């Protein structure tokens, strides 16, 4: 059955995001994401909704591989006129490349996306297990208010490479990026690539050089964290940093000390003025 791949293929080739399709067919975005990833399957009524929307039969939606080439296509054997028009409008997508959705999505009892938490100790396993349902089930999941219209994942930050803006032990909640060309320069992303899981600022030079560049914020440790050059075929996942959770309440030392010194100076001046007023009154 080709339902999952056909839904994703038809949606993307019609230029619709999951949010846009959700709005038009009145089916939840998370539900559509689960259909496209094969996590769940629609009932007959929902199948009919998709079939009518894309102008095809339910049988075609379920049983014909619309994404890949078909040997009978050139002769038109086994295809109706509508099938041939559809295939002409939606040519086969080349294999490989960055995936439009995460390999594994978990949902709660209401069908809403959970946020999967990847602590530092699970990073090595995540690099090889991000597409393994059994491994992903071992990771904690949770939900936060206001994070409902996309797929999110939380990663624990390791090391000082992004200090002072993102500190060791902070948690970054990232939103799934469905295409690498959507990466915006100098924003913080979690990039899962063949070399590891990196929390960095990214410079997108895919059009000019075919590369992504991962930069650190740190100045004190800059020599330890050189800019990384990443090939797009090495990228497994990209999550756009939407929120930071931090337990660090350290004072901004330089500014704090300047203010403290200024306060002491003002108090000393007030005391000197009081002493001068006392002397004048004597």
Foldseek 3Di string as FASTA:
>chain_A
DCQLVLLVLLCVLVVHDLVRVCVVLVHASLVNVCRNLVVDHDDPVVLVSSCVVSVHDSCCNPPPDLQDDDPCLVVCPPHDPVRNVSCVSRPHDDDAFAAQDFLDFDADPVSFTWAWEQEPVCFVVCLVCSNPPVSSVVTDTHDDPPPTRFHKYKYADDDDQAPPVAHHGKIFIFGWDRHPVPQDAQFWKFWRFNVTTDTFGWDDPCPPPQWIWGHTNDDVCDVVDDIDIHHRSRTHTMTGGDDMGDPDDDDPPPVVVVVVVVVVVVVVVVVVVVVVVVVVVD
